[in-house]
Amino acid sequence: MLYPGHAAEDDYALAQGALGGSAALPVIITDIESDDHTVDAMRAVGTDQRLLDGARRGMEYQPAAVMWACTSGSFLYGWAGAQQQVARLSAAIGLPASSTSLAFAAACHELGIDSIAVAATYPAAVADGFATFLADAGVAVVSSAAHDIETAAEAGTVDGDHLFSMVQAVDTPAAQAILLPDTALHTIGWIGDLERELGKPVLTANQVTVWQGLRLAGMTVTAEALGLLFRDTELTGTNP
């Protein structure tokens, strides 16, 4: 897991525990100059050299796949750009690779979801980029809120009550699922409770990143604590 800076990287240890030891999810912190939630700063964390430097450090773990565990640092390159970003990384390291943004699209397709609501920590300019990305992937945003949290570090301090409020505020019968797109947001410990509260899938950035990584590694895993996405789902294939 290539993770930019520090915010909610401990979600991956929680996810690994929920997987019952079936997979290791080591986190490599990639270099950033700023964790500001601006378009320029978030695009900057996703440059090829930063990703490649992180992936090379991660080779000591002998991974089966590499995930770029960042949403805005992938979707702000656009649908085609996000695919090119991980294709270049994969070619450089000789392993399957993907990103959180592409994982969201894949998860929606896996669950047959084409209309969603988005509870974004980002300012509107960044959140709009995610909606555009999803539209290009064939997923319509029918409800959304941008919460104007200025930095990833600040997003990492959001507690459970605030998280539930964010999700409830965007829920609508027209949305087949709720998406929480920021990997800086702690969500792994709350997915089950959120889904029980709303009665529909809740897809979160760190959750779908784990799911996509396992999928790239050709693994089949059921993990009730990680939500409907992980319940009796065949996680196979190697497409980014």
C-alpha atoms as a PDB file:
ATOM      1  CA  MET A   1       0.000   0.000   0.000  1.00  0.00           C
ATOM      2  CA  LEU A   2       1.644   3.226  -1.189  1.00  0.00           C
ATOM      3  CA  TYR A   3       0.190   5.862   1.126  1.00  0.00           C
ATOM      4  CA  PRO A   4       0.947   9.596   0.858  1.00  0.00           C
ATOM      5  CA  GLY A   5       1.985  11.196   4.143  1.00  0.00           C
ATOM      6  CA  HIS A   6       0.283  10.423   7.441  1.00  0.00           C
ATOM      7  CA  ALA A   7      -3.416  10.501   8.329  1.00  0.00           C
ATOM      8  CA  ALA A   8      -5.324   7.185   8.428  1.00  0.00           C
ATOM      9  CA  GLU A   9      -2.686   4.674   7.377  1.00  0.00           C
ATOM     10  CA  ASP A  10      -3.481   2.637  10.507  1.00  0.00           C
ATOM     11  CA  ASP A  11      -6.743   1.633   8.785  1.00  0.00           C
ATOM     12  CA  TYR A  12      -4.702  -0.946   6.878  1.00  0.00           C
ATOM     13  CA  ALA A  13      -3.616  -2.711  10.066  1.00  0.00           C
ATOM     14  CA  LEU A  14      -7.295  -2.898  11.065  1.00  0.00           C
ATOM     15  CA  ALA A  15      -8.194  -4.275   7.648  1.00  0.00           C
ATOM     16  CA  GLN A  16      -5.421  -6.848   7.865  1.00  0.00           C
ATOM     17  CA  GLY A  17      -6.836  -8.001  11.195  1.00  0.00           C
ATOM     18  CA  ALA A  18     -10.310  -8.271   9.684  1.00  0.00           C
ATOM     19  CA  LEU A  19      -8.867 -10.492   6.957  1.00  0.00           C
ATOM     20  CA  GLY A  20      -7.790 -12.963   9.644  1.00  0.00           C
ATOM     21  CA  GLY A  21      -4.207 -13.207   8.507  1.00  0.00           C
ATOM     22  CA  SER A  22      -5.064 -14.268   4.959  1.00  0.00           C
ATOM     23  CA  ALA A  23      -3.100 -11.347   3.499  1.00  0.00           C
ATOM     24  CA  ALA A  24      -0.451  -8.867   4.625  1.00  0.00           C
ATOM     25  CA  LEU A  25      -1.021  -5.180   3.885  1.00  0.00           C
ATOM     26  CA  PRO A  26       2.276  -3.397   4.519  1.00  0.00           C
ATOM     27  CA  VAL A  27       2.105   0.382   4.157  1.00  0.00           C
ATOM     28  CA  ILE A  28       4.838   2.391   2.477  1.00  0.00           C
ATOM     29  CA  ILE A  29       4.634   6.129   3.156  1.00  0.00           C
ATOM     30  CA  THR A  30       5.288   8.062  -0.031  1.00  0.00           C
ATOM     31  CA  ASP A  31       6.851  11.501  -0.145  1.00  0.00           C
ATOM     32  CA  ILE A  32       4.642  14.605  -0.184  1.00  0.00           C
ATOM     33  CA  GLU A  33       5.332  18.318  -0.135  1.00  0.00           C
ATOM     34  CA  SER A  34       1.875  19.264   1.155  1.00  0.00           C
ATOM     35  CA  ASP A  35      -1.244  17.476   2.354  1.00  0.00           C
ATOM     36  CA  ASP A  36      -3.472  20.413   1.445  1.00  0.00           C
ATOM     37  CA  HIS A  37      -6.773  19.431  -0.149  1.00  0.00           C
ATOM     38  CA  THR A  38      -6.185  21.521  -3.252  1.00  0.00           C
ATOM     39  CA  VAL A  39      -6.125  20.347  -6.842  1.00  0.00           C
ATOM     40  CA  ASP A  40      -2.463  21.256  -7.351  1.00  0.00           C
ATOM     41  CA  ALA A  41      -1.258  19.698  -4.082  1.00  0.00           C
ATOM     42  CA  MET A  42      -3.200  16.489  -4.600  1.00  0.00           C
ATOM     43  CA  ARG A  43      -2.012  16.064  -8.175  1.00  0.00           C
ATOM     44  CA  ALA A  44       1.548  16.605  -6.951  1.00  0.00           C
ATOM     45  CA  VAL A  45       1.427  13.613  -4.594  1.00  0.00           C
ATOM     46  CA  GLY A  46       0.657  11.343  -7.556  1.00  0.00           C
ATOM     47  CA  THR A  47       3.701  11.969  -9.729  1.00  0.00           C
ATOM     48  CA  ASP A  48       5.402   8.958 -11.278  1.00  0.00           C
ATOM     49  CA  GLN A  49       8.657   9.380  -9.371  1.00  0.00           C
ATOM     50  CA  ARG A  50       6.970   9.508  -5.958  1.00  0.00           C
ATOM     51  CA  LEU A  51       5.024   6.336  -6.699  1.00  0.00           C
ATOM     52  CA  LEU A  52       8.001   4.534  -8.131  1.00  0.00           C
ATOM     53  CA  ASP A  53      10.230   5.475  -5.189  1.00  0.00           C
ATOM     54  CA  GLY A  54       7.617   4.101  -2.796  1.00  0.00           C
ATOM     55  CA  ALA A  55       7.087   0.923  -4.785  1.00  0.00           C
ATOM     56  CA  ARG A  56      10.801   0.211  -4.895  1.00  0.00           C
ATOM     57  CA  ARG A  57      10.993   0.516  -1.104  1.00  0.00           C
ATOM     58  CA  GLY A  58       8.065  -1.861  -0.840  1.00  0.00           C
ATOM     59  CA  MET A  59       9.780  -4.603  -2.821  1.00  0.00           C
ATOM     60  CA  GLU A  60      11.366  -5.878   0.405  1.00  0.00           C
ATOM     61  CA  TYR A  61       7.933  -7.329   1.243  1.00  0.00           C
ATOM     62  CA  GLN A  62       7.841  -9.316  -2.024  1.00  0.00           C
ATOM     63  CA  PRO A  63       4.301  -8.146  -2.833  1.00  0.00           C
ATOM     64  CA  ALA A  64       1.955  -9.809  -5.287  1.00  0.00           C
ATOM     65  CA  ALA A  65       0.445  -6.421  -6.196  1.00  0.00           C
ATOM     66  CA  VAL A  66       0.869  -2.724  -5.472  1.00  0.00           C
ATOM     67  CA  MET A  67      -1.883  -0.240  -4.677  1.00  0.00           C
ATOM     68  CA  TRP A  68      -1.591   3.534  -4.905  1.00  0.00           C
ATOM     69  CA  ALA A  69      -3.652   4.224  -1.784  1.00  0.00           C
ATOM     70  CA  CYS A  70      -4.736   7.721  -2.728  1.00  0.00           C
ATOM     71  CA  THR A  71      -7.990   8.863  -4.282  1.00  0.00           C
ATOM     72  CA  SER A  72      -7.473  12.500  -5.213  1.00  0.00           C
ATOM     73  CA  GLY A  73      -3.911  11.783  -6.348  1.00  0.00           C
ATOM     74  CA  SER A  74      -5.403   9.495  -8.993  1.00  0.00           C
ATOM     75  CA  PHE A  75      -8.858  10.831  -9.989  1.00  0.00           C
ATOM     76  CA  LEU A  76      -7.533  14.366 -10.503  1.00  0.00           C
ATOM     77  CA  TYR A  77      -5.631  12.955 -13.479  1.00  0.00           C
ATOM     78  CA  GLY A  78      -8.942  11.991 -15.079  1.00  0.00           C
ATOM     79  CA  TRP A  79     -10.265   8.576 -16.072  1.00  0.00           C
ATOM     80  CA  ALA A  80      -7.661   7.948 -18.760  1.00  0.00           C
ATOM     81  CA  GLY A  81      -4.874   9.599 -16.777  1.00  0.00           C
ATOM     82  CA  ALA A  82      -5.526   7.449 -13.703  1.00  0.00           C
ATOM     83  CA  GLN A  83      -5.261   4.301 -15.798  1.00  0.00           C
ATOM     84  CA  GLN A  84      -2.062   5.529 -17.434  1.00  0.00           C
ATOM     85  CA  GLN A  85      -0.627   6.405 -14.009  1.00  0.00           C
ATOM     86  CA  VAL A  86      -0.883   2.836 -12.706  1.00  0.00           C
ATOM     87  CA  ALA A  87       0.040   1.307 -16.069  1.00  0.00           C
ATOM     88  CA  ARG A  88       3.373   3.159 -15.948  1.00  0.00           C
ATOM     89  CA  LEU A  89       3.922   2.051 -12.348  1.00  0.00           C
ATOM     90  CA  SER A  90       3.081  -1.559 -13.181  1.00  0.00           C
ATOM     91  CA  ALA A  91       5.439  -1.575 -16.157  1.00  0.00           C
ATOM     92  CA  ALA A  92       8.264  -0.127 -14.058  1.00  0.00           C
ATOM     93  CA  ILE A  93       8.019  -2.669 -11.234  1.00  0.00           C
ATOM     94  CA  GLY A  94       6.741  -5.710 -13.095  1.00  0.00           C
ATOM     95  CA  LEU A  95       3.695  -6.198 -10.849  1.00  0.00           C
ATOM     96  CA  PRO A  96      -0.035  -5.511 -11.196  1.00  0.00           C
ATOM     97  CA  ALA A  97      -0.890  -2.088  -9.814  1.00  0.00           C
ATOM     98  CA  SER A  98      -3.991   0.015  -9.322  1.00  0.00           C
ATOM     99  CA  SER A  99      -5.227   3.016  -7.350  1.00  0.00           C
ATOM    100  CA  THR A 100      -8.028   3.900  -4.975  1.00  0.00           C
ATOM    101  CA  SER A 101      -9.990   5.798  -7.615  1.00  0.00           C
ATOM    102  CA  LEU A 102      -9.936   2.878 -10.012  1.00  0.00           C
ATOM    103  CA  ALA A 103     -10.849   0.603  -7.106  1.00  0.00           C
ATOM    104  CA  PHE A 104     -13.994   2.643  -6.465  1.00  0.00           C
ATOM    105  CA  ALA A 105     -15.061   2.223 -10.086  1.00  0.00           C
ATOM    106  CA  ALA A 106     -14.299  -1.505 -10.008  1.00  0.00           C
ATOM    107  CA  ALA A 107     -16.198  -1.983  -6.742  1.00  0.00           C
ATOM    108  CA  CYS A 108     -19.274  -0.218  -8.106  1.00  0.00           C
ATOM    109  CA  HIS A 109     -19.186  -2.376 -11.212  1.00  0.00           C
ATOM    110  CA  GLU A 110     -18.715  -5.526  -9.108  1.00  0.00           C
ATOM    111  CA  LEU A 111     -21.825  -4.714  -7.063  1.00  0.00           C
ATOM    112  CA  GLY A 112     -23.881  -3.602 -10.062  1.00  0.00           C
ATOM    113  CA  ILE A 113     -24.075  -0.031  -8.791  1.00  0.00           C
ATOM    114  CA  ASP A 114     -24.517   2.887 -11.201  1.00  0.00           C
ATOM    115  CA  SER A 115     -25.943   5.620  -8.947  1.00  0.00           C
ATOM    116  CA  ILE A 116     -24.242   6.737  -5.758  1.00  0.00           C
ATOM    117  CA  ALA A 117     -24.016   9.461  -3.132  1.00  0.00           C
ATOM    118  CA  VAL A 118     -20.664  10.954  -2.136  1.00  0.00           C
ATOM    119  CA  ALA A 119     -19.674  12.307   1.275  1.00  0.00           C
ATOM    120  CA  ALA A 120     -16.377  14.047   0.509  1.00  0.00           C
ATOM    121  CA  THR A 121     -13.981  15.593   2.986  1.00  0.00           C
ATOM    122  CA  TYR A 122     -12.599  17.728   0.152  1.00  0.00           C
ATOM    123  CA  PRO A 123     -13.437  21.257  -0.960  1.00  0.00           C
ATOM    124  CA  ALA A 124     -15.862  21.473  -3.892  1.00  0.00           C
ATOM    125  CA  ALA A 125     -13.153  21.875  -6.560  1.00  0.00           C
ATOM    126  CA  VAL A 126     -11.623  18.524  -5.615  1.00  0.00           C
ATOM    127  CA  ALA A 127     -14.932  16.752  -4.974  1.00  0.00           C
ATOM    128  CA  ASP A 128     -16.147  17.822  -8.425  1.00  0.00           C
ATOM    129  CA  GLY A 129     -13.158  16.023  -9.916  1.00  0.00           C
ATOM    130  CA  PHE A 130     -14.257  12.783  -8.272  1.00  0.00           C
ATOM    131  CA  ALA A 131     -17.783  13.151  -9.663  1.00  0.00           C
ATOM    132  CA  THR A 132     -16.380  13.694 -13.157  1.00  0.00           C
ATOM    133  CA  PHE A 133     -14.128  10.665 -12.807  1.00  0.00           C
ATOM    134  CA  LEU A 134     -17.032   8.465 -11.718  1.00  0.00           C
ATOM    135  CA  ALA A 135     -19.221   9.722 -14.571  1.00  0.00           C
ATOM    136  CA  ASP A 136     -16.526   8.665 -17.023  1.00  0.00           C
ATOM    137  CA  ALA A 137     -16.597   5.228 -15.346  1.00  0.00           C
ATOM    138  CA  GLY A 138     -20.365   4.990 -15.869  1.00  0.00           C
ATOM    139  CA  VAL A 139     -21.372   5.801 -12.271  1.00  0.00           C
ATOM    140  CA  ALA A 140     -23.700   8.753 -11.623  1.00  0.00           C
ATOM    141  CA  VAL A 141     -23.446  10.908  -8.502  1.00  0.00           C
ATOM    142  CA  VAL A 142     -27.038  11.659  -7.448  1.00  0.00           C
ATOM    143  CA  SER A 143     -26.233  13.336  -4.125  1.00  0.00           C
ATOM    144  CA  SER A 144     -23.035  14.824  -2.731  1.00  0.00           C
ATOM    145  CA  ALA A 145     -21.532  17.082  -0.107  1.00  0.00           C
ATOM    146  CA  ALA A 146     -18.089  18.707   0.039  1.00  0.00           C
ATOM    147  CA  HIS A 147     -17.026  19.313   3.636  1.00  0.00           C
ATOM    148  CA  ASP A 148     -14.140  21.688   2.971  1.00  0.00           C
ATOM    149  CA  ILE A 149     -11.660  19.926   5.260  1.00  0.00           C
ATOM    150  CA  GLU A 150      -8.438  21.658   4.337  1.00  0.00           C
ATOM    151  CA  THR A 151      -5.787  18.961   4.893  1.00  0.00           C
ATOM    152  CA  ALA A 152      -5.412  15.206   4.986  1.00  0.00           C
ATOM    153  CA  ALA A 153      -4.121  15.410   8.562  1.00  0.00           C
ATOM    154  CA  GLU A 154      -7.319  17.183   9.606  1.00  0.00           C
ATOM    155  CA  ALA A 155      -9.441  14.569   7.815  1.00  0.00           C
ATOM    156  CA  GLY A 156      -7.622  11.916   9.824  1.00  0.00           C
ATOM    157  CA  THR A 157      -9.056  13.342  13.045  1.00  0.00           C
ATOM    158  CA  VAL A 158     -12.725  12.977  12.027  1.00  0.00           C
ATOM    159  CA  ASP A 159     -14.503  10.855  14.638  1.00  0.00           C
ATOM    160  CA  GLY A 160     -17.299   8.329  14.319  1.00  0.00           C
ATOM    161  CA  ASP A 161     -20.116  10.767  15.100  1.00  0.00           C
ATOM    162  CA  HIS A 162     -18.950  13.167  12.387  1.00  0.00           C
ATOM    163  CA  LEU A 163     -18.524  10.282   9.966  1.00  0.00           C
ATOM    164  CA  PHE A 164     -22.095   9.089  10.512  1.00  0.00           C
ATOM    165  CA  SER A 165     -23.416  12.629  10.097  1.00  0.00           C
ATOM    166  CA  MET A 166     -21.560  13.034   6.809  1.00  0.00           C
ATOM    167  CA  VAL A 167     -23.003   9.820   5.428  1.00  0.00           C
ATOM    168  CA  GLN A 168     -26.561  10.377   6.631  1.00  0.00           C
ATOM    169  CA  ALA A 169     -26.606  13.866   5.123  1.00  0.00           C
ATOM    170  CA  VAL A 170     -26.067  12.608   1.566  1.00  0.00           C
ATOM    171  CA  ASP A 171     -28.175   9.452   1.697  1.00  0.00           C
ATOM    172  CA  THR A 172     -31.120   9.361  -0.669  1.00  0.00           C
ATOM    173  CA  PRO A 173     -33.305   6.525  -2.038  1.00  0.00           C
ATOM    174  CA  ALA A 174     -31.857   7.211  -5.493  1.00  0.00           C
ATOM    175  CA  ALA A 175     -28.346   6.284  -4.306  1.00  0.00           C
ATOM    176  CA  GLN A 176     -27.591   2.588  -4.415  1.00  0.00           C
ATOM    177  CA  ALA A 177     -24.490   3.105  -2.259  1.00  0.00           C
ATOM    178  CA  ILE A 178     -22.642   5.775  -0.320  1.00  0.00           C
ATOM    179  CA  LEU A 179     -19.008   6.554  -1.159  1.00  0.00           C
ATOM    180  CA  LEU A 180     -16.451   8.076   1.219  1.00  0.00           C
ATOM    181  CA  PRO A 181     -13.548   8.870  -1.101  1.00  0.00           C
ATOM    182  CA  ASP A 182     -10.695  10.077   1.146  1.00  0.00           C
ATOM    183  CA  THR A 183      -7.955   7.621   2.236  1.00  0.00           C
ATOM    184  CA  ALA A 184      -7.107  10.162   4.967  1.00  0.00           C
ATOM    185  CA  LEU A 185     -10.439   9.353   6.632  1.00  0.00           C
ATOM    186  CA  HIS A 186     -10.596   6.558   9.234  1.00  0.00           C
ATOM    187  CA  THR A 187     -13.431   4.284   8.113  1.00  0.00           C
ATOM    188  CA  ILE A 188     -12.470   0.605   8.432  1.00  0.00           C
ATOM    189  CA  GLY A 189     -13.800   0.285  11.972  1.00  0.00           C
ATOM    190  CA  TRP A 190     -17.178   1.794  11.071  1.00  0.00           C
ATOM    191  CA  ILE A 191     -18.234   0.129   7.812  1.00  0.00           C
ATOM    192  CA  GLY A 192     -20.464  -2.547   9.332  1.00  0.00           C
ATOM    193  CA  ASP A 193     -22.290  -0.060  11.549  1.00  0.00           C
ATOM    194  CA  LEU A 194     -22.732   2.388   8.667  1.00  0.00           C
ATOM    195  CA  GLU A 195     -24.224  -0.277   6.406  1.00  0.00           C
ATOM    196  CA  ARG A 196     -26.601  -1.458   9.121  1.00  0.00           C
ATOM    197  CA  GLU A 197     -27.697   2.128   9.692  1.00  0.00           C
ATOM    198  CA  LEU A 198     -28.310   2.858   6.002  1.00  0.00           C
ATOM    199  CA  GLY A 199     -29.303  -0.553   4.666  1.00  0.00           C
ATOM    200  CA  LYS A 200     -27.062  -0.260   1.606  1.00  0.00           C
ATOM    201  CA  PRO A 201     -23.376  -0.639   0.690  1.00  0.00           C
ATOM    202  CA  VAL A 202     -20.947   1.918   2.058  1.00  0.00           C
ATOM    203  CA  LEU A 203     -17.742   2.019   0.034  1.00  0.00           C
ATOM    204  CA  THR A 204     -14.782   3.746   1.630  1.00  0.00           C
ATOM    205  CA  ALA A 205     -11.402   4.623   0.239  1.00  0.00           C
ATOM    206  CA  ASN A 206      -9.256   2.360   2.388  1.00  0.00           C
ATOM    207  CA  GLN A 207     -11.771  -0.489   2.102  1.00  0.00           C
ATOM    208  CA  VAL A 208     -11.892  -0.499  -1.705  1.00  0.00           C
ATOM    209  CA  THR A 209      -8.110  -0.128  -1.876  1.00  0.00           C
ATOM    210  CA  VAL A 210      -7.702  -3.340   0.107  1.00  0.00           C
ATOM    211  CA  TRP A 211     -10.356  -5.085  -1.992  1.00  0.00           C
ATOM    212  CA  GLN A 212      -8.694  -4.096  -5.254  1.00  0.00           C
ATOM    213  CA  GLY A 213      -5.264  -5.147  -4.009  1.00  0.00           C
ATOM    214  CA  LEU A 214      -6.554  -8.601  -3.119  1.00  0.00           C
ATOM    215  CA  ARG A 215      -8.302  -8.793  -6.479  1.00  0.00           C
ATOM    216  CA  LEU A 216      -5.067  -7.987  -8.300  1.00  0.00           C
ATOM    217  CA  ALA A 217      -3.342 -10.713  -6.282  1.00  0.00           C
ATOM    218  CA  GLY A 218      -6.022 -13.219  -7.417  1.00  0.00           C
ATOM    219  CA  MET A 219      -7.338 -13.811  -3.896  1.00  0.00           C
ATOM    220  CA  THR A 220     -10.869 -14.740  -2.798  1.00  0.00           C
ATOM    221  CA  VAL A 221     -11.632 -13.374   0.654  1.00  0.00           C
ATOM    222  CA  THR A 222     -14.798 -13.058   2.723  1.00  0.00           C
ATOM    223  CA  ALA A 223     -14.561 -10.596   5.615  1.00  0.00           C
ATOM    224  CA  GLU A 224     -17.878  -9.609   7.178  1.00  0.00           C
ATOM    225  CA  ALA A 225     -16.340  -6.706   9.113  1.00  0.00           C
ATOM    226  CA  LEU A 226     -15.280  -5.032   5.855  1.00  0.00           C
ATOM    227  CA  GLY A 227     -18.806  -4.666   4.546  1.00  0.00           C
ATOM    228  CA  LEU A 228     -21.009  -5.946   1.755  1.00  0.00           C
ATOM    229  CA  LEU A 229     -18.179  -5.649  -0.761  1.00  0.00           C
ATOM    230  CA  PHE A 230     -16.369  -8.460   1.053  1.00  0.00           C
ATOM    231  CA  ARG A 231     -19.302 -10.792   1.519  1.00  0.00           C
ATOM    232  CA  ASP A 232     -19.176 -13.812  -0.755  1.00  0.00           C
ATOM    233  CA  THR A 233     -17.510 -11.757  -3.465  1.00  0.00           C
ATOM    234  CA  GLU A 234     -15.197 -13.395  -5.959  1.00  0.00           C
ATOM    235  CA  LEU A 235     -12.088 -11.231  -5.974  1.00  0.00           C
ATOM    236  CA  THR A 236     -10.416 -12.434  -9.110  1.00  0.00           C
ATOM    237  CA  GLY A 237      -8.777 -10.917 -12.157  1.00  0.00           C
ATOM    238  CA  THR A 238      -5.902  -8.537 -12.719  1.00  0.00           C
ATOM    239  CA  ASN A 239      -7.375  -5.514 -14.490  1.00  0.00           C
ATOM    240  CA  PRO A 240      -6.397  -2.190 -12.878  1.00  0.00           C
END
